[in-house]
Amino acid sequence: MKSAAQVALEAGNSPQMIFEHYRELVTEKAAKAWFAITPDSTKAMREHAEKERQAKIVAHPALAA
């Protein structure tokens, strides 16, 4: 769990603002689910980039013992 000071720093707010307006409105699990929402085009782009990355990996032959 993060401290209010750390959250305020990352959000560009004060700890007082965090406590007054944001504290405990949602669980961390719900927040992660919300911020994981991405457009289908972004998901497709990430999948394409991962396939390209995997295609560049060259397998090394096993070393003889």
N, C-alpha and C. Protein backbone atom coordinates (compact mmCIF):
# COMPACT_ATOMS: atom_id res chain seq x y z
N MET A 1 0.85 -1.18 0.00
CA MET A 1 0.00 0.00 0.00
C MET A 1 0.89 1.24 0.00
N LYS A 2 0.51 2.22 -0.75
CA LYS A 2 1.29 3.45 -0.85
C LYS A 2 0.87 4.43 0.24
N SER A 3 1.75 5.33 0.56
CA SER A 3 1.42 6.38 1.52
C SER A 3 0.67 7.50 0.81
N ALA A 4 -0.09 8.26 1.56
CA ALA A 4 -0.83 9.39 0.99
C ALA A 4 0.14 10.40 0.37
N ALA A 5 1.29 10.57 0.99
CA ALA A 5 2.29 11.51 0.47
C ALA A 5 2.79 11.05 -0.90
N GLN A 6 3.04 9.73 -1.05
CA GLN A 6 3.52 9.19 -2.32
C GLN A 6 2.45 9.33 -3.40
N VAL A 7 1.22 9.00 -3.06
CA VAL A 7 0.12 9.12 -4.02
C VAL A 7 -0.06 10.58 -4.43
N ALA A 8 -0.01 11.49 -3.46
CA ALA A 8 -0.16 12.92 -3.75
C ALA A 8 0.94 13.40 -4.68
N LEU A 9 2.17 12.96 -4.43
CA LEU A 9 3.29 13.35 -5.28
C LEU A 9 3.08 12.86 -6.71
N GLU A 10 2.67 11.60 -6.87
CA GLU A 10 2.45 11.04 -8.20
C GLU A 10 1.28 11.70 -8.90
N ALA A 11 0.26 12.11 -8.14
CA ALA A 11 -0.93 12.72 -8.73
C ALA A 11 -0.79 14.22 -8.92
N GLY A 12 0.25 14.80 -8.34
CA GLY A 12 0.42 16.24 -8.45
C GLY A 12 -0.53 16.99 -7.52
N ASN A 13 -0.89 16.38 -6.42
CA ASN A 13 -1.79 16.98 -5.44
C ASN A 13 -1.14 17.02 -4.07
N SER A 14 -1.89 17.46 -3.10
CA SER A 14 -1.42 17.45 -1.72
C SER A 14 -2.05 16.24 -1.01
N PRO A 15 -1.43 15.78 0.07
CA PRO A 15 -2.05 14.71 0.84
C PRO A 15 -3.46 15.08 1.31
N GLN A 16 -3.68 16.33 1.66
CA GLN A 16 -5.00 16.79 2.09
C GLN A 16 -6.03 16.57 0.98
N MET A 17 -5.67 16.88 -0.26
CA MET A 17 -6.56 16.70 -1.40
C MET A 17 -6.88 15.21 -1.60
N ILE A 18 -5.87 14.37 -1.43
CA ILE A 18 -6.08 12.93 -1.58
C ILE A 18 -7.08 12.44 -0.54
N PHE A 19 -6.89 12.84 0.72
CA PHE A 19 -7.80 12.41 1.79
C PHE A 19 -9.21 12.93 1.60
N GLU A 20 -9.34 14.17 1.16
CA GLU A 20 -10.67 14.79 1.03
C GLU A 20 -11.47 14.23 -0.15
N HIS A 21 -10.79 13.89 -1.25
CA HIS A 21 -11.53 13.57 -2.47
C HIS A 21 -11.36 12.15 -3.01
N TYR A 22 -10.28 11.49 -2.63
CA TYR A 22 -9.99 10.22 -3.28
C TYR A 22 -9.86 9.02 -2.36
N ARG A 23 -9.50 9.23 -1.13
CA ARG A 23 -9.17 8.12 -0.24
C ARG A 23 -10.34 7.15 -0.06
N GLU A 24 -10.04 5.88 -0.28
CA GLU A 24 -10.96 4.77 -0.05
C GLU A 24 -12.23 4.81 -0.89
N LEU A 25 -12.20 5.50 -2.02
CA LEU A 25 -13.36 5.48 -2.89
C LEU A 25 -13.48 4.15 -3.61
N VAL A 26 -12.34 3.54 -3.94
CA VAL A 26 -12.33 2.24 -4.58
C VAL A 26 -11.19 1.41 -4.01
N THR A 27 -11.29 0.11 -4.21
CA THR A 27 -10.20 -0.76 -3.76
C THR A 27 -9.06 -0.71 -4.77
N GLU A 28 -7.90 -1.16 -4.35
CA GLU A 28 -6.76 -1.20 -5.26
C GLU A 28 -7.04 -2.16 -6.41
N LYS A 29 -7.71 -3.26 -6.14
CA LYS A 29 -8.06 -4.23 -7.18
C LYS A 29 -8.96 -3.60 -8.24
N ALA A 30 -9.97 -2.85 -7.79
CA ALA A 30 -10.87 -2.18 -8.73
C ALA A 30 -10.13 -1.12 -9.53
N ALA A 31 -9.21 -0.42 -8.89
CA ALA A 31 -8.43 0.61 -9.60
C ALA A 31 -7.55 -0.02 -10.68
N LYS A 32 -6.91 -1.14 -10.36
CA LYS A 32 -6.07 -1.81 -11.36
C LYS A 32 -6.91 -2.29 -12.54
N ALA A 33 -8.10 -2.81 -12.25
CA ALA A 33 -8.99 -3.25 -13.33
C ALA A 33 -9.39 -2.07 -14.22
N TRP A 34 -9.70 -0.94 -13.60
CA TRP A 34 -10.10 0.26 -14.36
C TRP A 34 -8.97 0.74 -15.27
N PHE A 35 -7.77 0.83 -14.73
CA PHE A 35 -6.65 1.35 -15.52
C PHE A 35 -6.11 0.33 -16.51
N ALA A 36 -6.57 -0.92 -16.44
CA ALA A 36 -6.16 -1.93 -17.41
C ALA A 36 -7.02 -1.89 -18.67
N ILE A 37 -8.10 -1.12 -18.64
CA ILE A 37 -8.98 -1.02 -19.80
C ILE A 37 -8.25 -0.28 -20.92
N THR A 38 -8.17 -0.94 -22.08
CA THR A 38 -7.52 -0.31 -23.23
C THR A 38 -8.36 -0.56 -24.48
N PRO A 39 -8.27 0.32 -25.45
CA PRO A 39 -8.99 0.11 -26.70
C PRO A 39 -8.49 -1.15 -27.42
N ASP A 40 -9.36 -1.76 -28.21
CA ASP A 40 -8.97 -2.95 -28.97
C ASP A 40 -7.79 -2.67 -29.88
N SER A 41 -7.72 -1.46 -30.43
CA SER A 41 -6.61 -1.13 -31.32
C SER A 41 -5.28 -1.16 -30.57
N THR A 42 -5.29 -0.75 -29.33
CA THR A 42 -4.07 -0.78 -28.53
C THR A 42 -3.68 -2.22 -28.22
N LYS A 43 -4.66 -3.04 -27.88
CA LYS A 43 -4.38 -4.45 -27.61
C LYS A 43 -3.80 -5.12 -28.85
N ALA A 44 -4.37 -4.84 -30.02
CA ALA A 44 -3.89 -5.43 -31.27
C ALA A 44 -2.46 -4.97 -31.55
N MET A 45 -2.17 -3.71 -31.30
CA MET A 45 -0.84 -3.18 -31.54
C MET A 45 0.17 -3.86 -30.61
N ARG A 46 -0.20 -4.06 -29.34
CA ARG A 46 0.71 -4.72 -28.39
C ARG A 46 0.94 -6.18 -28.80
N GLU A 47 -0.11 -6.87 -29.24
CA GLU A 47 0.04 -8.25 -29.67
C GLU A 47 0.95 -8.33 -30.89
N HIS A 48 0.78 -7.43 -31.83
CA HIS A 48 1.62 -7.39 -33.03
C HIS A 48 3.08 -7.14 -32.65
N ALA A 49 3.32 -6.20 -31.77
CA ALA A 49 4.68 -5.88 -31.34
C ALA A 49 5.31 -7.09 -30.63
N GLU A 50 4.53 -7.80 -29.83
CA GLU A 50 5.06 -8.98 -29.13
C GLU A 50 5.40 -10.08 -30.13
N LYS A 51 4.57 -10.27 -31.16
CA LYS A 51 4.87 -11.28 -32.19
C LYS A 51 6.15 -10.91 -32.93
N GLU A 52 6.32 -9.63 -33.24
CA GLU A 52 7.55 -9.20 -33.91
C GLU A 52 8.76 -9.42 -33.01
N ARG A 53 8.61 -9.14 -31.73
CA ARG A 53 9.70 -9.33 -30.78
C ARG A 53 10.07 -10.81 -30.69
N GLN A 54 9.06 -11.68 -30.61
CA GLN A 54 9.31 -13.11 -30.53
C GLN A 54 9.99 -13.65 -31.79
N ALA A 55 9.62 -13.08 -32.95
CA ALA A 55 10.20 -13.53 -34.22
C ALA A 55 11.69 -13.21 -34.31
N LYS A 56 12.15 -12.24 -33.57
CA LYS A 56 13.56 -11.84 -33.61
C LYS A 56 14.44 -12.65 -32.67
N ILE A 57 13.83 -13.44 -31.82
CA ILE A 57 14.59 -14.24 -30.86
C ILE A 57 15.16 -15.47 -31.56
N VAL A 58 16.46 -15.65 -31.45
CA VAL A 58 17.12 -16.79 -32.05
C VAL A 58 17.43 -17.80 -30.96
N ALA A 59 16.95 -19.03 -31.14
CA ALA A 59 17.19 -20.07 -30.15
C ALA A 59 18.64 -20.52 -30.26
N HIS A 60 19.28 -20.68 -29.12
CA HIS A 60 20.66 -21.19 -29.09
C HIS A 60 20.62 -22.71 -29.01
N PRO A 61 21.48 -23.37 -29.76
CA PRO A 61 21.50 -24.83 -29.66
C PRO A 61 21.97 -25.25 -28.27
N ALA A 62 21.45 -26.37 -27.82
CA ALA A 62 21.85 -26.87 -26.51
C ALA A 62 23.33 -27.23 -26.52
N LEU A 63 24.01 -26.90 -25.45
CA LEU A 63 25.44 -27.22 -25.36
C LEU A 63 25.61 -28.69 -25.01
N ALA A 64 26.54 -29.34 -25.63
CA ALA A 64 26.82 -30.74 -25.32
C ALA A 64 27.50 -30.83 -23.97
N ALA A 65 27.08 -31.79 -23.18
CA ALA A 65 27.66 -31.94 -21.84
C ALA A 65 28.96 -32.68 -21.85
